[in-house]
Protein backbone atom coordinates (compact mmCIF):
# COMPACT_ATOMS: atom_id res chain seq x y z
CA MET A 1 141.09 83.79 142.61
CA ASN A 2 141.58 85.10 139.30
CA ILE A 3 138.33 83.93 138.02
CA ALA A 4 136.60 85.31 141.05
CA ARG A 5 138.41 88.75 140.36
CA ASN A 6 137.28 88.61 136.77
CA ILE A 7 133.71 87.93 137.60
CA PHE A 8 133.68 90.69 140.23
CA HIS A 9 135.01 93.31 137.66
CA ILE A 10 132.52 92.18 135.18
CA LEU A 11 129.54 92.47 137.56
CA LEU A 12 130.83 95.87 138.64
CA SER A 13 131.14 97.17 135.05
CA LEU A 14 127.46 95.92 134.41
CA ALA A 15 126.25 97.45 137.60
CA ILE A 16 128.01 101.00 136.61
CA SER A 17 126.69 100.58 133.05
CA LEU A 18 123.10 100.00 134.35
CA LEU A 19 123.37 103.06 136.71
CA LEU A 20 124.46 105.32 133.71
CA CYS A 21 121.64 104.16 131.75
CA CYS A 22 119.15 104.67 134.39
CA MET A 23 120.34 108.32 134.72
CA ALA A 24 120.18 109.06 131.11
CA ALA A 25 116.84 107.65 130.73
CA ALA A 26 115.73 109.90 133.82
CA GLN A 27 117.18 113.08 132.44
CA ASN A 28 115.58 112.37 128.78
CA SER A 29 112.31 111.86 130.55
CA HIS A 30 112.40 115.16 132.52
CA ALA A 31 113.40 116.91 129.18
CA THR A 32 110.42 115.39 127.54
CA ASN A 33 108.01 116.29 130.17
CA SER A 34 109.30 119.75 130.34
CA ALA A 35 108.91 120.21 126.64
CA LYS A 36 105.27 119.04 126.81
CA SER A 37 104.54 121.16 129.94
CA ASN A 38 105.86 124.29 127.63
CA THR A 39 103.99 123.37 124.74
CA ASN A 40 100.63 122.93 126.78
CA SER A 41 101.07 126.09 128.83
CA SER A 42 100.46 128.49 126.16
CA PRO A 43 99.62 128.57 122.40
CA THR A 44 102.74 129.12 120.31
CA SER A 45 103.32 132.19 118.06
CA ASN A 46 102.91 129.90 115.09
CA GLU A 47 99.32 129.25 116.13
CA ALA A 48 98.34 132.78 116.94
CA VAL A 49 99.73 133.85 113.62
CA SER A 50 97.82 130.99 111.69
CA ALA A 51 94.64 132.04 113.49
CA THR A 52 95.05 135.56 112.43
CA GLN A 53 95.97 134.56 108.85
CA ARG A 54 92.67 132.30 108.62
CA PHE A 55 90.60 135.33 110.06
CA MET A 56 91.92 137.75 107.57
CA ASP A 57 91.69 135.42 104.53
CA GLU A 58 87.82 134.68 105.56
CA ALA A 59 87.35 138.56 106.08
CA ALA A 60 88.88 139.37 102.48
CA LEU A 61 86.80 136.76 100.88
CA SER A 62 83.54 137.73 102.41
CA ASN A 63 84.22 141.54 101.42
CA MET A 64 84.93 140.37 97.81
CA ALA A 65 81.66 138.25 97.79
CA GLU A 66 79.69 141.08 98.89
CA VAL A 67 80.84 143.59 96.50
CA ASP A 68 80.35 141.14 93.68
CA LEU A 69 76.94 140.12 94.75
CA GLY A 70 76.20 143.91 95.31
CA LYS A 71 77.10 144.50 91.69
CA LEU A 72 74.96 141.45 90.51
CA ALA A 73 71.93 142.99 92.58
CA GLN A 74 72.32 146.25 90.40
CA GLN A 75 71.61 143.98 87.18
CA ASN A 76 69.11 141.35 88.47
CA ALA A 77 67.09 143.04 91.20
CA GLU A 78 63.56 144.54 90.52
CA SER A 79 63.14 146.29 93.93
CA SER A 80 64.49 149.62 94.19
CA GLU A 81 65.31 148.88 98.14
CA VAL A 82 67.21 145.70 97.03
CA LYS A 83 69.27 147.67 94.52
CA ALA A 84 69.93 150.36 97.40
CA PHE A 85 71.00 147.50 99.65
CA GLY A 86 73.42 146.10 97.06
CA GLU A 87 74.90 149.71 96.11
CA ARG A 88 75.40 149.99 100.15
CA MET A 89 77.39 146.64 100.08
CA ILE A 90 79.61 147.71 97.37
CA THR A 91 80.43 150.98 98.90
CA ASP A 92 81.02 149.56 102.58
CA HIS A 93 82.76 146.29 101.78
CA THR A 94 85.13 148.06 99.06
CA LYS A 95 86.26 150.29 101.92
CA ALA A 96 86.63 147.40 104.40
CA ASP A 97 88.70 145.62 101.97
CA ASP A 98 90.87 148.55 101.17
CA GLU A 99 91.50 149.02 104.99
CA LEU A 100 92.27 145.31 105.41
CA LYS A 101 94.66 145.35 102.60
CA GLN A 102 96.46 148.12 104.17
CA VAL A 103 96.70 146.12 107.25
CA ALA A 104 97.90 142.98 105.57
CA ALA A 105 100.71 145.01 103.84
CA GLN A 106 101.86 146.30 107.08
CA GLN A 107 101.97 142.79 108.50
CA GLN A 108 103.36 141.48 105.19
CA VAL A 109 100.54 139.14 104.96
CA ASN A 110 99.34 137.83 101.43
CA LEU A 111 95.42 137.90 101.10
CA PRO A 112 93.29 135.73 98.62
CA PRO A 113 93.78 137.24 95.08
CA GLY A 114 90.08 136.09 94.19
CA LEU A 115 86.86 134.43 95.30
CA ASP A 116 86.84 130.69 95.94
CA SER A 117 84.72 127.86 94.41
CA LYS A 118 82.37 127.81 97.33
CA PHE A 119 81.47 131.49 96.44
CA GLU A 120 81.18 130.63 92.68
CA VAL A 121 78.45 128.27 93.48
CA THR A 122 76.36 130.82 95.33
CA ARG A 123 76.92 133.38 92.48
CA ALA A 124 75.89 130.94 89.71
CA ARG A 125 72.69 130.19 91.65
CA LEU A 126 71.84 133.71 92.09
CA ALA A 127 73.00 134.87 88.59
CA LYS A 128 70.11 132.77 87.13
CA LEU A 129 67.50 134.68 88.89
CA HIS A 130 65.97 137.76 87.89
CA GLY A 131 63.17 140.35 89.28
CA HIS A 132 61.28 139.30 92.37
CA ALA A 133 62.97 135.67 92.46
CA PHE A 134 66.40 137.50 92.81
CA ASP A 135 65.44 139.91 95.28
CA GLU A 136 64.00 137.27 97.76
CA ALA A 137 66.80 134.82 97.51
CA TYR A 138 69.58 137.29 97.50
CA MET A 139 68.26 139.20 100.60
CA ARG A 140 67.58 135.65 102.46
CA ASP A 141 71.22 135.14 101.77
CA MET A 142 72.12 138.56 102.98
CA VAL A 143 70.34 138.05 106.33
CA THR A 144 72.07 134.78 106.88
CA ASP A 145 75.47 135.88 105.70
CA HIS A 146 75.57 138.99 107.92
CA LYS A 147 74.20 137.04 110.93
CA LYS A 148 77.31 134.65 110.47
CA ASP A 149 79.68 137.70 109.98
CA VAL A 150 78.40 139.63 112.98
CA ALA A 151 78.86 136.63 115.24
CA GLU A 152 82.35 135.70 113.78
CA PHE A 153 83.54 139.40 114.30
CA LYS A 154 82.38 139.70 117.74
CA ARG A 155 84.21 136.43 118.50
CA GLU A 156 87.31 137.36 116.79
CA SER A 157 87.45 141.05 118.25
CA ASP A 158 87.79 139.29 121.62
CA THR A 159 90.35 136.80 120.78
CA LEU A 160 92.72 138.29 117.97
CA LYS A 161 96.20 138.72 119.13
CA ASP A 162 97.49 141.17 116.67
CA PRO A 163 96.70 144.70 117.63
CA ALA A 164 96.28 146.16 114.18
CA VAL A 165 93.79 143.13 113.01
CA LYS A 166 91.94 143.52 116.19
CA LYS A 167 91.44 147.30 115.67
CA TRP A 168 90.30 146.59 112.16
CA ALA A 169 87.80 143.82 113.26
CA GLU A 170 86.51 146.27 116.16
CA GLU A 171 85.95 149.21 113.67
CA THR A 172 84.22 146.80 111.09
CA LEU A 173 81.93 145.19 113.26
CA PRO A 174 79.45 148.22 113.93
CA VAL A 175 79.27 148.34 110.12
CA LEU A 176 78.19 144.60 109.78
CA GLU A 177 75.77 145.03 112.31
CA SER A 178 74.23 148.02 110.48
CA HIS A 179 74.21 145.68 107.33
CA LEU A 180 72.35 143.17 109.18
CA GLN A 181 69.83 145.49 110.52
CA LEU A 182 69.15 146.68 106.95
CA ALA A 183 68.81 143.17 105.47
CA GLU A 184 66.32 142.21 108.15
CA LYS A 185 64.35 145.52 107.24
CA VAL A 186 64.38 144.93 103.48
CA ALA A 187 63.99 141.18 103.39
CA PRO A 188 60.35 141.11 104.56
CA THR A 189 59.55 143.56 101.79
CA VAL A 190 60.45 140.90 99.14
CA GLY A 191 58.84 138.14 100.71
CA VAL A 192 61.39 136.74 103.11
CA LYS A 193 60.18 135.44 106.20
CA LEU A 194 62.38 136.03 109.00
CA SER A 195 62.53 133.87 112.23
CA ALA A 196 60.70 134.99 115.47
CA LYS A 197 64.30 136.00 116.94
CA ASN A 198 64.70 138.23 113.99
CA GLU A 199 61.50 139.84 114.07
CA SER A 200 62.01 140.41 117.77
CA ARG A 201 65.23 142.24 117.37
CA MET A 202 63.67 144.16 114.76
CA SER A 203 60.74 145.29 117.04
CA ALA A 204 63.21 146.20 119.80
CA MET A 205 65.13 148.46 117.43
CA ALA A 206 62.15 150.13 116.32
CA ASN A 207 61.04 150.82 119.78
């Protein structure tokens, strides 16, 4: 009898332990699934901040690059139209950069202190050129760069979460669009062949 009773108590203890383990596992699984569901339902605030920071960094680098290359155009360009375009870049992108710095200060965001190595490669290539060779290479880059900038600002104006940064992007977009139009007007005068799409857009604006 004692042996049977001991076996019974042992089996009962094992059954209770197994039941408790199953209940704990079920609770952990529910908690894990809930956490995954919350994570997948919406982007975290850290992800939104990261996207905003990335956009501000790229915009700041672009502003600095356009100002620097605009100054180079004053030195190396031959065409008066190219020099005038470079001067416009200095004026407009200096203003845009100052405004972005104000937004960054309000948001307590640190912007890049200087240009990156990727830009230095571009600058070194253009700095070797003078006269017509510079005019053509510079304006080709300006058309390409501003097409990219306009597309990016259009996209970010719709997706940015921060109201202040979004407002700055929306106000800067028309300036970039005017730069692209001007670049596409000046570029052919120095030998840059535009794509059919560029030429169609220019014809539409002229009409």
